Protein backbone atom coordinates (compact mmCIF):
# COMPACT_ATOMS: atom_id res chain seq x y z
CA MET A 1 -19.27 -3.74 17.87
CA SER A 2 -20.94 -3.98 14.48
CA ILE A 3 -19.28 -2.33 11.53
CA LEU A 4 -21.84 0.41 11.22
CA SER A 5 -22.30 1.25 14.91
CA ARG A 6 -19.97 4.23 14.52
CA VAL A 7 -21.49 5.51 11.30
CA VAL A 8 -23.70 8.59 11.33
CA TYR A 9 -26.16 8.73 8.48
CA ASN A 10 -27.59 12.24 8.47
CA GLN A 11 -25.46 14.94 6.89
CA GLY A 12 -23.87 17.20 9.45
CA THR A 13 -25.04 15.03 12.36
CA SER A 14 -22.54 14.67 15.19
CA LEU A 15 -22.00 11.69 17.44
CA LYS A 16 -20.86 12.22 21.02
CA LEU A 17 -18.65 9.55 22.49
CA ASN A 18 -17.53 9.23 26.08
CA ALA A 19 -13.72 9.20 26.02
CA GLY A 20 -13.16 9.20 29.77
CA ILE A 21 -14.48 10.71 32.99
CA ASN A 22 -15.96 14.15 32.39
CA HIS A 23 -14.45 14.21 28.92
CA VAL A 24 -16.80 14.37 25.93
CA GLN A 25 -15.60 14.65 22.40
CA ARG A 26 -17.50 15.59 19.32
CA PHE A 27 -17.13 14.12 15.86
CA VAL A 28 -18.72 15.09 12.59
CA ARG A 29 -19.25 12.50 9.93
CA SER A 30 -17.84 13.56 6.60
CA LEU A 31 -20.67 12.60 4.32
CA GLN A 32 -21.37 16.02 2.90
CA SER A 33 -20.50 16.70 -0.69
CA THR A 34 -17.34 18.67 -1.19
CA ALA A 35 -15.93 20.48 -4.17
CA THR A 36 -14.27 17.25 -5.24
CA ASP A 37 -17.09 14.76 -4.64
CA SER A 38 -18.82 12.89 -7.45
CA THR A 39 -21.10 14.66 -9.88
CA PRO A 40 -23.01 13.16 -12.82
CA GLN A 41 -20.11 14.28 -15.04
CA THR A 42 -17.28 12.92 -12.89
CA MET A 43 -19.12 9.63 -12.29
CA ASN A 44 -18.44 8.85 -15.97
CA LEU A 45 -14.98 7.35 -16.33
CA ASP A 46 -14.85 8.50 -19.94
CA SER A 47 -15.71 12.11 -19.09
CA GLU A 48 -13.15 14.65 -20.27
CA SER A 49 -14.27 17.07 -17.55
CA GLN A 50 -12.06 15.37 -14.96
CA GLN A 51 -9.77 17.96 -13.40
CA GLU A 52 -6.23 16.65 -13.56
CA ASP A 53 -4.29 19.42 -11.88
CA PRO A 54 -1.93 17.93 -9.29
CA GLY A 55 -3.27 18.20 -5.75
CA SER A 56 -6.94 18.53 -6.74
CA GLY A 57 -9.62 16.05 -7.67
CA PHE A 58 -7.74 13.03 -6.27
CA TYR A 59 -10.72 11.85 -4.23
CA THR A 60 -13.02 12.27 -7.23
CA MET A 61 -10.55 10.22 -9.26
CA VAL A 62 -10.78 7.35 -6.78
CA GLU A 63 -14.57 7.64 -6.74
CA ARG A 64 -14.70 7.32 -10.52
CA PHE A 65 -12.71 4.09 -10.44
CA TYR A 66 -14.99 2.88 -7.62
CA ASP A 67 -18.15 3.73 -9.57
CA ARG A 68 -17.05 1.81 -12.62
CA ALA A 69 -16.26 -1.31 -10.60
CA ALA A 70 -19.47 -1.04 -8.55
CA LYS A 71 -21.54 -0.82 -11.71
CA LEU A 72 -19.99 -4.05 -13.02
CA LEU A 73 -20.30 -5.81 -9.69
CA GLU A 74 -23.93 -4.89 -8.96
CA GLU A 75 -25.50 -7.52 -11.21
CA LYS A 76 -23.32 -10.29 -9.82
CA LEU A 77 -24.17 -9.37 -6.22
CA VAL A 78 -27.89 -9.38 -7.01
CA ASP A 79 -27.64 -12.74 -8.79
CA ASP A 80 -25.69 -14.23 -5.86
CA MET A 81 -28.58 -13.53 -3.45
CA THR A 82 -30.30 -16.88 -3.97
CA LYS A 83 -31.11 -18.00 -0.41
CA THR A 84 -33.42 -15.10 0.42
CA LYS A 85 -37.11 -14.23 0.25
CA LEU A 86 -36.38 -10.72 -1.02
CA THR A 87 -37.88 -9.67 -4.33
CA GLU A 88 -35.62 -8.67 -7.20
CA GLU A 89 -36.29 -5.02 -6.47
CA GLN A 90 -35.50 -5.46 -2.76
CA LYS A 91 -32.28 -7.28 -3.63
CA ARG A 92 -31.18 -4.44 -5.87
CA ILE A 93 -32.07 -1.85 -3.23
CA LYS A 94 -29.98 -3.71 -0.67
CA VAL A 95 -26.99 -4.10 -2.98
CA ARG A 96 -27.03 -0.46 -4.05
CA GLY A 97 -27.48 0.66 -0.48
CA ILE A 98 -24.45 -1.22 0.80
CA LEU A 99 -22.34 -0.13 -2.17
CA ASN A 100 -23.25 3.48 -1.40
CA ILE A 101 -22.39 3.02 2.29
CA MET A 102 -18.99 1.59 1.38
CA LYS A 103 -17.99 4.59 -0.71
CA PRO A 104 -17.56 7.68 1.55
CA PRO A 105 -15.19 7.96 4.54
CA ASN A 106 -16.66 7.12 7.93
CA TYR A 107 -14.74 9.84 9.78
CA VAL A 108 -12.45 12.73 8.97
CA LEU A 109 -10.58 14.54 11.75
CA ALA A 110 -9.09 17.99 11.14
CA ILE A 111 -6.42 19.14 13.61
CA THR A 112 -4.65 22.44 14.17
CA PHE A 113 -2.07 22.85 16.92
CA PRO A 114 0.82 25.21 17.71
CA VAL A 115 4.50 24.24 17.77
CA ARG A 116 7.39 26.31 19.01
CA ARG A 117 10.37 26.42 16.68
CA ASP A 118 13.99 26.33 17.80
CA ASN A 119 14.25 30.13 17.42
CA GLY A 120 11.33 30.67 19.79
CA GLU A 121 8.75 31.50 17.13
CA TRP A 122 5.39 29.74 17.08
CA GLU A 123 3.75 28.16 14.04
CA LEU A 124 0.38 26.52 13.54
CA ILE A 125 0.42 22.99 12.18
CA GLU A 126 -2.49 21.74 10.08
CA ALA A 127 -3.18 18.01 9.89
CA TRP A 128 -5.91 15.50 8.97
CA ARG A 129 -6.68 11.86 9.68
CA ALA A 130 -9.36 10.00 7.73
CA GLN A 131 -10.89 6.66 8.65
CA HIS A 132 -12.49 5.53 5.44
CA SER A 133 -13.99 2.21 6.44
CA LEU A 134 -14.61 0.34 9.68
CA HIS A 135 -15.80 -2.88 8.06
CA ARG A 136 -12.59 -4.30 9.49
CA THR A 137 -10.71 -2.87 12.44
CA PRO A 138 -8.28 -1.42 13.09
CA CYS A 139 -8.01 1.14 10.29
CA LYS A 140 -4.63 1.17 8.57
CA GLY A 141 -2.81 3.86 6.65
CA GLY A 142 0.33 5.96 6.65
CA ILE A 143 1.15 9.40 8.01
CA ARG A 144 2.42 11.76 5.31
CA TYR A 145 4.46 14.93 5.91
CA SER A 146 4.21 17.18 2.86
CA ASN A 147 3.33 20.75 1.95
CA ASP A 148 1.03 19.34 -0.73
CA VAL A 149 -1.17 17.49 1.77
CA ASN A 150 -4.85 18.50 1.79
CA LEU A 151 -8.18 17.03 2.89
CA ASP A 152 -8.98 15.78 -0.60
CA GLU A 153 -5.72 13.82 -0.76
CA VAL A 154 -6.14 12.33 2.70
CA LYS A 155 -9.67 11.12 1.91
CA ALA A 156 -8.52 9.62 -1.38
CA LEU A 157 -5.56 7.80 0.14
CA ALA A 158 -7.73 6.47 2.97
CA ALA A 159 -10.21 5.08 0.45
CA LEU A 160 -7.40 3.45 -1.54
CA MET A 161 -6.12 1.83 1.65
CA THR A 162 -9.54 0.23 2.25
CA TYR A 163 -9.58 -1.26 -1.23
CA LYS A 164 -5.90 -2.19 -1.10
CA CYS A 165 -6.27 -4.14 2.14
CA ALA A 166 -9.29 -6.02 0.79
CA CYS A 167 -7.51 -6.73 -2.48
CA VAL A 168 -4.62 -8.55 -0.75
CA ASN A 169 -6.71 -10.08 2.07
CA VAL A 170 -5.31 -7.96 4.88
CA PRO A 171 -8.08 -7.59 7.52
CA PHE A 172 -7.86 -3.83 8.04
CA GLY A 173 -10.05 -0.88 7.19
CA GLY A 174 -8.49 2.06 5.37
CA GLY A 175 -7.09 5.21 6.92
CA LYS A 176 -4.64 7.99 6.15
CA ALA A 177 -3.09 11.00 7.85
CA GLY A 178 -1.39 14.07 6.45
CA VAL A 179 0.55 16.87 8.12
CA LYS A 180 0.99 20.00 6.04
CA ILE A 181 4.73 20.61 6.48
CA ASN A 182 7.90 20.15 4.48
CA PRO A 183 10.06 18.00 6.79
CA LYS A 184 13.22 19.33 5.14
CA GLU A 185 12.43 22.78 6.54
CA TRP A 186 12.22 21.60 10.14
CA SER A 187 14.98 20.47 12.51
CA GLU A 188 14.89 17.05 14.15
CA PRO A 189 13.81 18.43 17.57
CA GLU A 190 11.04 20.39 15.85
CA LEU A 191 9.86 17.31 13.95
CA GLU A 192 9.85 15.34 17.18
CA ARG A 193 7.66 17.95 18.87
CA ILE A 194 5.26 17.93 15.92
CA THR A 195 5.09 14.14 15.82
CA ARG A 196 4.55 13.68 19.54
CA ARG A 197 1.88 16.40 19.67
CA LEU A 198 0.13 14.85 16.67
CA THR A 199 0.08 11.51 18.48
CA VAL A 200 -1.58 13.03 21.53
CA GLU A 201 -4.17 14.83 19.40
CA LEU A 202 -5.02 11.61 17.53
CA ALA A 203 -5.22 9.65 20.77
CA LYS A 204 -7.54 12.20 22.40
CA LYS A 205 -10.03 11.75 19.56
CA GLY A 206 -9.75 7.95 19.31
CA PHE A 207 -7.84 8.01 16.03
CA ILE A 208 -4.92 5.84 17.14
CA GLY A 209 -4.74 2.60 19.08
CA PRO A 210 -3.86 -1.09 18.54
CA GLY A 211 -7.49 -2.06 17.93
CA ILE A 212 -8.80 1.23 16.54
CA ASP A 213 -6.44 2.90 14.09
CA VAL A 214 -2.85 1.87 13.33
CA PRO A 215 -0.83 4.36 11.24
CA ALA A 216 2.43 3.64 9.40
CA PRO A 217 5.20 5.53 7.54
CA ASP A 218 4.47 7.37 4.32
CA MET A 219 6.03 10.20 2.32
CA GLY A 220 8.24 12.32 4.58
CA THR A 221 8.13 9.90 7.53
CA GLY A 222 10.02 6.77 8.50
CA GLU A 223 11.18 4.57 11.35
CA ARG A 224 12.25 7.57 13.44
CA GLU A 225 8.79 9.15 13.46
CA MET A 226 7.12 5.80 14.09
CA ALA A 227 9.35 5.25 17.15
CA TRP A 228 8.36 8.68 18.51
CA ILE A 229 4.68 7.87 18.00
CA ALA A 230 4.94 4.46 19.68
CA ASP A 231 6.81 5.94 22.63
CA THR A 232 4.35 8.83 23.04
CA TYR A 233 1.30 6.57 22.88
CA SER A 234 2.81 4.00 25.29
CA SER A 235 3.77 6.74 27.75
CA THR A 236 0.38 8.48 27.76
CA VAL A 237 -3.03 6.99 26.95
CA GLY A 238 -1.57 3.51 26.35
CA TRP A 239 0.45 3.28 29.54
CA GLU A 240 -1.55 0.32 30.91
CA ASN A 241 -2.15 -1.40 27.55
CA ILE A 242 0.17 -4.37 27.10
CA ASN A 243 -0.38 -4.12 23.33
CA ALA A 244 0.46 -0.40 23.15
CA ASN A 245 3.39 -0.98 20.77
CA ALA A 246 0.92 -2.28 18.18
CA CYS A 247 -0.52 1.24 17.86
CA ILE A 248 1.74 1.83 14.86
CA THR A 249 3.84 -0.14 12.37
CA GLY A 250 7.04 0.60 10.50
CA LYS A 251 8.97 0.92 13.76
CA PRO A 252 12.70 0.21 14.21
CA ILE A 253 13.45 -3.42 15.10
CA LEU A 254 14.40 -2.51 18.68
CA GLN A 255 11.04 -0.75 19.15
CA GLY A 256 8.97 -3.73 18.02
CA GLY A 257 9.47 -3.46 14.27
CA ILE A 258 9.85 -6.38 11.91
CA HIS A 259 12.60 -7.46 9.54
CA GLY A 260 11.76 -6.73 5.92
CA ARG A 261 9.35 -3.83 6.55
CA THR A 262 11.59 -1.12 5.07
CA SER A 263 11.88 -2.80 1.69
CA ALA A 264 8.42 -4.38 1.74
CA THR A 265 6.66 -2.08 -0.76
CA GLY A 266 9.49 -2.33 -3.30
CA ARG A 267 9.77 -6.08 -2.84
CA GLY A 268 6.01 -6.42 -3.21
CA LEU A 269 6.13 -4.40 -6.42
CA TYR A 270 8.72 -6.79 -7.82
CA HIS A 271 6.51 -9.77 -6.96
CA GLY A 272 3.48 -8.05 -8.48
CA VAL A 273 5.29 -7.33 -11.75
CA ASN A 274 6.75 -10.82 -11.79
CA ASN A 275 3.33 -12.44 -11.41
CA PHE A 276 1.97 -10.62 -14.46
CA ILE A 277 5.07 -10.55 -16.65
CA ASN A 278 5.27 -14.34 -16.55
CA GLU A 279 1.72 -14.73 -17.83
CA LYS A 280 1.87 -15.38 -21.58
CA TYR A 281 -1.73 -14.21 -22.06
CA TYR A 282 -0.93 -10.67 -20.90
CA MET A 283 2.49 -10.50 -22.52
CA ASP A 284 1.00 -11.48 -25.90
CA LYS A 285 -1.45 -8.60 -25.56
CA VAL A 286 1.27 -6.02 -24.89
CA GLY A 287 3.81 -7.49 -27.30
CA LEU A 288 6.48 -8.69 -24.86
CA THR A 289 8.02 -12.06 -24.16
CA PRO A 290 7.32 -13.55 -20.72
CA GLY A 291 9.90 -13.09 -17.96
CA LEU A 292 11.83 -10.20 -16.41
CA ALA A 293 15.21 -11.08 -17.90
CA GLY A 294 16.42 -8.41 -20.30
CA LYS A 295 13.49 -6.04 -19.72
CA THR A 296 14.26 -2.33 -19.34
CA PHE A 297 12.57 -0.03 -16.85
CA ILE A 298 12.40 3.63 -15.84
CA VAL A 299 11.64 4.73 -12.27
CA GLN A 300 10.05 8.00 -11.20
CA GLY A 301 10.98 8.71 -7.60
CA PHE A 302 14.04 7.24 -5.90
CA GLY A 303 12.77 7.18 -2.35
CA ASN A 304 11.98 4.03 -0.41
CA VAL A 305 9.66 2.48 -3.02
CA GLY A 306 11.65 3.49 -6.09
CA LEU A 307 14.97 2.37 -4.62
CA HIS A 308 13.88 -1.08 -3.47
CA SER A 309 11.78 -1.68 -6.58
CA SER A 310 14.87 -0.95 -8.68
CA ARG A 311 17.06 -3.22 -6.58
CA TYR A 312 14.73 -6.23 -6.79
CA LEU A 313 13.90 -5.78 -10.46
CA THR A 314 17.61 -5.45 -11.31
CA ARG A 315 18.50 -8.44 -9.15
CA HIS A 316 16.12 -10.61 -11.20
CA GLY A 317 17.39 -9.65 -14.63
CA ALA A 318 15.76 -6.35 -15.55
CA LYS A 319 17.81 -3.25 -16.40
CA CYS A 320 17.21 0.25 -15.02
CA ILE A 321 17.83 2.79 -17.82
CA GLY A 322 16.41 5.95 -16.24
CA VAL A 323 15.64 7.54 -12.88
CA LEU A 324 13.54 10.67 -12.43
CA GLU A 325 13.59 12.73 -9.21
CA TRP A 326 12.05 16.09 -8.30
CA ASP A 327 15.28 17.96 -9.00
CA ALA A 328 17.03 15.89 -11.67
CA ALA A 329 16.79 12.97 -14.09
CA VAL A 330 19.54 10.56 -15.21
CA ILE A 331 19.71 7.98 -17.98
CA ASN A 332 22.03 5.18 -19.03
CA GLN A 333 21.05 2.71 -21.74
CA ASP A 334 23.68 0.28 -20.44
CA GLY A 335 22.00 0.20 -17.03
CA ILE A 336 22.07 2.15 -13.76
CA ASP A 337 23.29 0.40 -10.60
CA PRO A 338 20.59 1.07 -7.95
CA LYS A 339 23.00 0.42 -5.08
CA ALA A 340 25.59 2.86 -6.41
CA LEU A 341 22.88 5.48 -7.03
CA GLU A 342 21.55 4.98 -3.50
CA GLU A 343 25.01 5.58 -2.02
CA TYR A 344 25.55 8.66 -4.19
CA LYS A 345 22.20 10.14 -3.21
CA PHE A 346 22.87 9.48 0.49
CA GLU A 347 26.21 11.29 0.29
CA ASN A 348 25.08 14.20 -1.89
CA GLY A 349 21.37 14.55 -1.17
CA THR A 350 20.53 14.33 -4.88
CA ILE A 351 20.98 12.12 -7.92
CA LYS A 352 22.24 15.13 -9.92
CA GLY A 353 25.78 14.53 -11.11
CA PHE A 354 25.70 10.75 -10.57
CA PRO A 355 28.78 9.44 -12.42
CA GLY A 356 27.12 6.16 -13.38
CA ALA A 357 24.70 7.88 -15.77
CA LYS A 358 24.33 11.05 -17.78
CA ALA A 359 21.89 13.86 -17.17
CA TYR A 360 18.61 13.73 -19.08
CA GLU A 361 18.92 16.61 -21.55
CA ASN A 362 15.25 17.42 -22.15
CA SER A 363 14.29 20.76 -20.59
CA ASP A 364 11.16 19.11 -19.19
CA LYS A 365 12.52 16.24 -17.13
CA LEU A 366 9.02 14.74 -16.81
CA GLU A 367 9.38 13.72 -20.45
CA LEU A 368 11.54 10.86 -19.17
CA LEU A 369 8.23 9.10 -18.43
CA CYS A 370 7.64 8.98 -22.18
CA GLU A 371 11.01 7.53 -23.18
CA PRO A 372 11.11 3.99 -24.65
CA CYS A 373 11.24 1.18 -22.06
CA ASP A 374 9.45 -2.04 -21.24
CA ILE A 375 8.33 -1.17 -17.70
CA LEU A 376 7.55 2.24 -16.20
CA VAL A 377 7.47 2.52 -12.40
CA PRO A 378 5.86 5.78 -11.21
CA ALA A 379 6.84 5.77 -7.53
CA ALA A 380 6.60 9.45 -6.62
CA SER A 381 3.18 10.99 -6.11
CA GLU A 382 -0.35 10.98 -7.46
CA GLN A 383 -1.62 12.19 -10.86
CA GLN A 384 1.67 11.98 -12.75
CA ILE A 385 0.27 10.18 -15.81
CA THR A 386 -2.55 12.26 -17.24
CA SER A 387 -4.38 12.74 -20.54
CA ARG A 388 -1.63 15.20 -21.47
CA ASN A 389 1.19 12.63 -21.52
CA ALA A 390 -0.49 9.19 -21.58
CA GLY A 391 -0.61 9.13 -25.37
CA ARG A 392 3.16 9.56 -25.60
CA ILE A 393 4.12 6.87 -23.07
CA LYS A 394 6.01 4.07 -24.80
CA ALA A 395 6.26 1.59 -21.91
CA LYS A 396 4.35 -1.66 -22.34
CA ILE A 397 3.82 -2.19 -18.59
CA ILE A 398 3.17 0.41 -15.88
CA ALA A 399 3.63 -0.72 -12.27
CA GLU A 400 2.12 1.91 -9.98
CA GLY A 401 4.52 2.14 -7.06
CA ALA A 402 2.90 5.42 -5.97
CA ASN A 403 -0.71 5.83 -4.91
CA GLY A 404 -2.95 7.16 -7.67
CA PRO A 405 -0.30 8.11 -10.25
CA THR A 406 -2.67 7.59 -13.19
CA THR A 407 -5.83 9.63 -13.78
CA PRO A 408 -9.02 8.02 -15.16
CA SER A 409 -8.63 9.80 -18.51
CA ALA A 410 -5.04 8.58 -18.80
CA ASP A 411 -6.09 5.10 -17.77
CA ARG A 412 -8.56 4.98 -20.68
CA ILE A 413 -5.89 6.13 -23.13
CA LEU A 414 -3.43 3.51 -21.90
CA LEU A 415 -6.04 0.76 -22.27
CA GLN A 416 -6.67 1.83 -25.86
CA LYS A 417 -2.90 1.57 -26.48
CA ASN A 418 -2.79 -1.98 -25.00
CA VAL A 419 -0.59 -0.93 -22.09
CA LEU A 420 -0.78 -3.23 -19.05
CA VAL A 421 -1.30 -1.05 -15.97
CA ILE A 422 -0.69 -3.02 -12.77
CA PRO A 423 -2.68 -0.87 -10.33
CA ASP A 424 -1.46 0.72 -7.12
CA MET A 425 -4.04 -1.00 -4.93
CA TYR A 426 -2.37 -4.32 -5.74
CA VAL A 427 1.22 -3.75 -6.76
CA ASN A 428 2.26 -1.44 -3.90
CA ALA A 429 0.43 -3.43 -1.23
CA GLY A 430 3.65 -5.00 0.05
CA GLY A 431 3.99 -2.31 2.70
CA VAL A 432 0.60 -2.86 4.31
CA THR A 433 1.02 -6.63 4.06
CA VAL A 434 4.23 -6.60 6.09
CA SER A 435 2.71 -3.98 8.40
CA TYR A 436 0.03 -6.58 9.13
CA PHE A 437 2.77 -9.08 10.00
CA GLU A 438 4.38 -6.51 12.32
CA TRP A 439 1.04 -5.78 14.00
CA LEU A 440 0.52 -9.51 14.63
CA LYS A 441 4.05 -9.77 16.00
CA ASN A 442 3.36 -6.96 18.46
CA LEU A 443 0.10 -8.57 19.61
CA ASN A 444 1.79 -11.97 20.00
CA HIS A 445 4.77 -10.45 21.84
CA THR A 446 7.24 -12.77 20.15
CA SER A 447 9.17 -12.70 16.89
CA TYR A 448 8.34 -15.03 14.03
CA GLY A 449 10.29 -18.28 14.15
CA ARG A 450 11.46 -17.94 17.74
CA LEU A 451 9.42 -20.90 19.02
CA THR A 452 10.16 -23.23 16.07
CA PHE A 453 13.67 -22.24 14.96
CA LYS A 454 15.66 -24.87 16.88
CA TYR A 455 13.06 -27.60 16.31
CA GLN A 456 13.22 -27.06 12.53
CA ARG A 457 17.01 -27.12 12.58
CA ASP A 458 17.16 -30.35 14.64
CA THR A 459 14.53 -31.96 12.41
CA ASN A 460 16.51 -31.19 9.25
CA TYR A 461 19.74 -32.60 10.70
CA SER A 462 17.89 -35.71 11.89
CA LEU A 463 16.50 -36.16 8.38
CA LEU A 464 19.98 -36.10 6.84
CA GLU A 465 21.31 -38.51 9.47
CA SER A 466 18.41 -40.89 8.80
CA VAL A 467 19.07 -40.86 5.04
CA GLN A 468 22.79 -41.40 5.62
CA SER A 469 22.16 -44.29 8.03
CA SER A 470 19.77 -45.99 5.60
CA LEU A 471 22.20 -45.70 2.69
CA GLU A 472 25.08 -47.08 4.77
CA MET A 473 23.03 -50.06 5.88
CA LYS A 474 22.09 -50.90 2.30
CA PHE A 475 25.17 -49.99 0.31
CA GLY A 476 28.02 -49.43 2.76
CA ARG A 477 30.92 -51.88 2.61
CA MET A 478 32.45 -53.03 5.85
CA GLY A 479 30.53 -50.35 7.72
CA GLY A 480 32.01 -47.60 5.56
CA LYS A 481 30.59 -44.08 5.70
CA ILE A 482 28.47 -42.62 2.89
CA PRO A 483 28.60 -38.82 3.24
CA ILE A 484 25.38 -36.92 2.64
CA ILE A 485 26.11 -33.43 1.35
CA PRO A 486 23.14 -31.05 1.24
CA SER A 487 22.76 -28.70 -1.71
CA ASP A 488 23.61 -25.04 -1.16
CA LYS A 489 19.92 -24.13 -1.30
CA PHE A 490 18.94 -26.73 1.30
CA TYR A 491 21.95 -25.93 3.48
CA LYS A 492 20.79 -22.32 3.80
CA ARG A 493 17.40 -23.55 5.00
CA MET A 494 18.65 -26.25 7.35
CA ALA A 495 18.95 -23.92 10.33
CA GLY A 496 15.24 -23.06 10.13
CA ALA A 497 13.33 -20.03 8.93
CA SER A 498 14.33 -16.66 10.37
CA GLU A 499 11.86 -13.82 10.84
CA LYS A 500 13.02 -12.26 7.57
CA ASP A 501 12.55 -15.59 5.74
CA ILE A 502 8.99 -15.90 7.06
CA VAL A 503 8.13 -12.30 6.17
CA HIS A 504 9.51 -12.63 2.65
CA SER A 505 7.72 -15.93 2.12
CA GLY A 506 4.43 -14.55 3.45
CA LEU A 507 4.67 -11.47 1.24
CA GLU A 508 5.42 -13.51 -1.88
CA GLN A 509 2.50 -15.85 -1.21
CA THR A 510 0.15 -12.91 -0.58
CA MET A 511 1.09 -11.17 -3.82
CA GLU A 512 0.83 -14.38 -5.83
CA LYS A 513 -2.56 -15.37 -4.42
CA SER A 514 -3.94 -11.86 -4.90
CA ALA A 515 -2.70 -11.74 -8.49
CA ARG A 516 -4.51 -15.01 -9.24
CA ALA A 517 -7.74 -13.64 -7.80
CA ILE A 518 -7.46 -10.45 -9.88
CA MET A 519 -6.72 -12.40 -13.06
CA GLU A 520 -9.73 -14.65 -12.45
CA THR A 521 -11.95 -11.59 -11.98
CA ALA A 522 -10.59 -10.03 -15.17
CA GLN A 523 -11.45 -13.18 -17.11
CA LYS A 524 -14.88 -13.54 -15.47
CA PHE A 525 -15.89 -10.00 -16.44
CA ASN A 526 -14.02 -10.06 -19.77
CA LEU A 527 -11.92 -7.03 -18.80
CA GLY A 528 -8.83 -7.83 -20.89
CA LEU A 529 -5.99 -5.55 -19.80
CA ASP A 530 -8.17 -3.53 -17.42
CA ILE A 531 -6.52 -4.95 -14.31
CA ARG A 532 -7.43 -1.88 -12.25
CA THR A 533 -11.16 -2.51 -12.58
CA ALA A 534 -10.59 -6.20 -11.88
CA ALA A 535 -8.71 -5.31 -8.68
CA TYR A 536 -11.47 -2.92 -7.61
CA VAL A 537 -14.18 -5.50 -8.28
CA THR A 538 -12.22 -8.12 -6.31
CA ALA A 539 -11.84 -5.76 -3.35
CA LEU A 540 -15.37 -4.37 -3.39
CA GLU A 541 -16.96 -7.82 -3.41
CA LYS A 542 -15.05 -8.77 -0.24
CA ILE A 543 -16.00 -5.52 1.50
CA TYR A 544 -19.64 -5.89 0.43
CA ASN A 545 -19.81 -9.44 1.81
CA THR A 546 -18.44 -8.24 5.15
CA TYR A 547 -21.03 -5.45 5.42
CA SER A 548 -23.84 -7.74 4.26
CA ALA A 549 -23.02 -10.50 6.73
CA ALA A 550 -22.62 -8.14 9.70
CA GLY A 551 -25.90 -6.31 9.15
CA MET A 552 -26.74 -2.75 10.16
CA THR A 553 -26.50 -1.46 13.70
CA PHE A 554 -29.25 1.07 14.42
CA GLY A 555 -30.48 0.53 10.86
CA VAL A 556 -33.90 1.88 10.03
């Protein structure tokens, strides 16, 4: 199926798809303008009219970043069309047409369903799933449980997933789902009923499946919810599909998950920061010495991403001096132990009162983002760094662990201050990268390393024996033994690569290769510290080439 065979061009036009015997479903393409779509004012990245209130304008924000990158990329795409008989005008029309097609979401599904609570009362649950791009299938993106979820946010996050996957060479389209609930206000049996019903509703509409749309954990969800989804899908519409477990990633190991997935986003963030902080060119621009050792950092959000980012950064020589959560903030100039803070939060449900640090005394705890440090890691939610606080941020590097934490207006201010912003679409791509590995594992029906583990181990031992034998023949006296003692590093690898070793190695290589591509784009377009635009340009060029090569199904 061509990439545009499922796209409906006319506004408000519906496409009927046969989803089984006597069962017809109706979809509406979400191409209409909404209150948050681009306008001539919002298309300008330097416009001060951008609305920066949390929970609104997120999709417009993503569109503005897209528009800036597309404008830069257009000339290059036209110039690259050398082996064609098209005129210059026809080339430009084609390029602009494809860039416009790439921008809006292909499909948006709105769902409302009832759930009975433990006390017998009924409540209506509101949810959305967006499939932003089908240039690659399946679509990929998390399921978020939050009271702040809305259609605008789901569309924005789905778009970011498209660009993120392209940026790090993961062959997925972008998707996202949101369920408008606060999971803390629901019991486990209630959450299970919501999750399983959501799975059925998505499956009925063709919004979940190993080759169609593969969700993952996000804010408010985790391994538990992913296991429920996999079980529900496998037991219903996927009962005869041998690849049914690949309908979702982020599962527990026993349910087809993969080692290293839980910490993948935080580990990827560390690799992303490490790739840039060791580049002298960028460190000279921000006024830091290369290397992580001795650098200080502040983290906003101590969930999955914030925790594991802190652990890996600390492990490699950086020092955590502040942690900001929704209900409290703690600081310690001598360093905060992420492991100790994790254990305290698990036992108490909050970081408030943590004995390894003191409470941040400012009445507005968000001011912790503006305290002096080398690296700031916003790992909570979108639109946290705005034009209202960007000018007071003292960090030299911002690593966006969350999706969309920086608004376009703030991004411009930070660039003027020579702050290196490592964008979300690159630096927090560790999660989707390892999700890709898990998806491949499920399709292959075997764990990484299982077929080669013993062979690698036997080969390494044979190598040592061969070296020992050669040395004894040349230098041994009277047939004496010459012991060969492997180094500690080699000894740990002698037994062969485990699944975790392969996942960690693949993630590191992905982040390093992607960083090189982004840096090359930044140099080619003379973007300086504007790494976000470089990442967008890198991603959009790959997506454009896919659309261009595939052609248009039912094109006029």
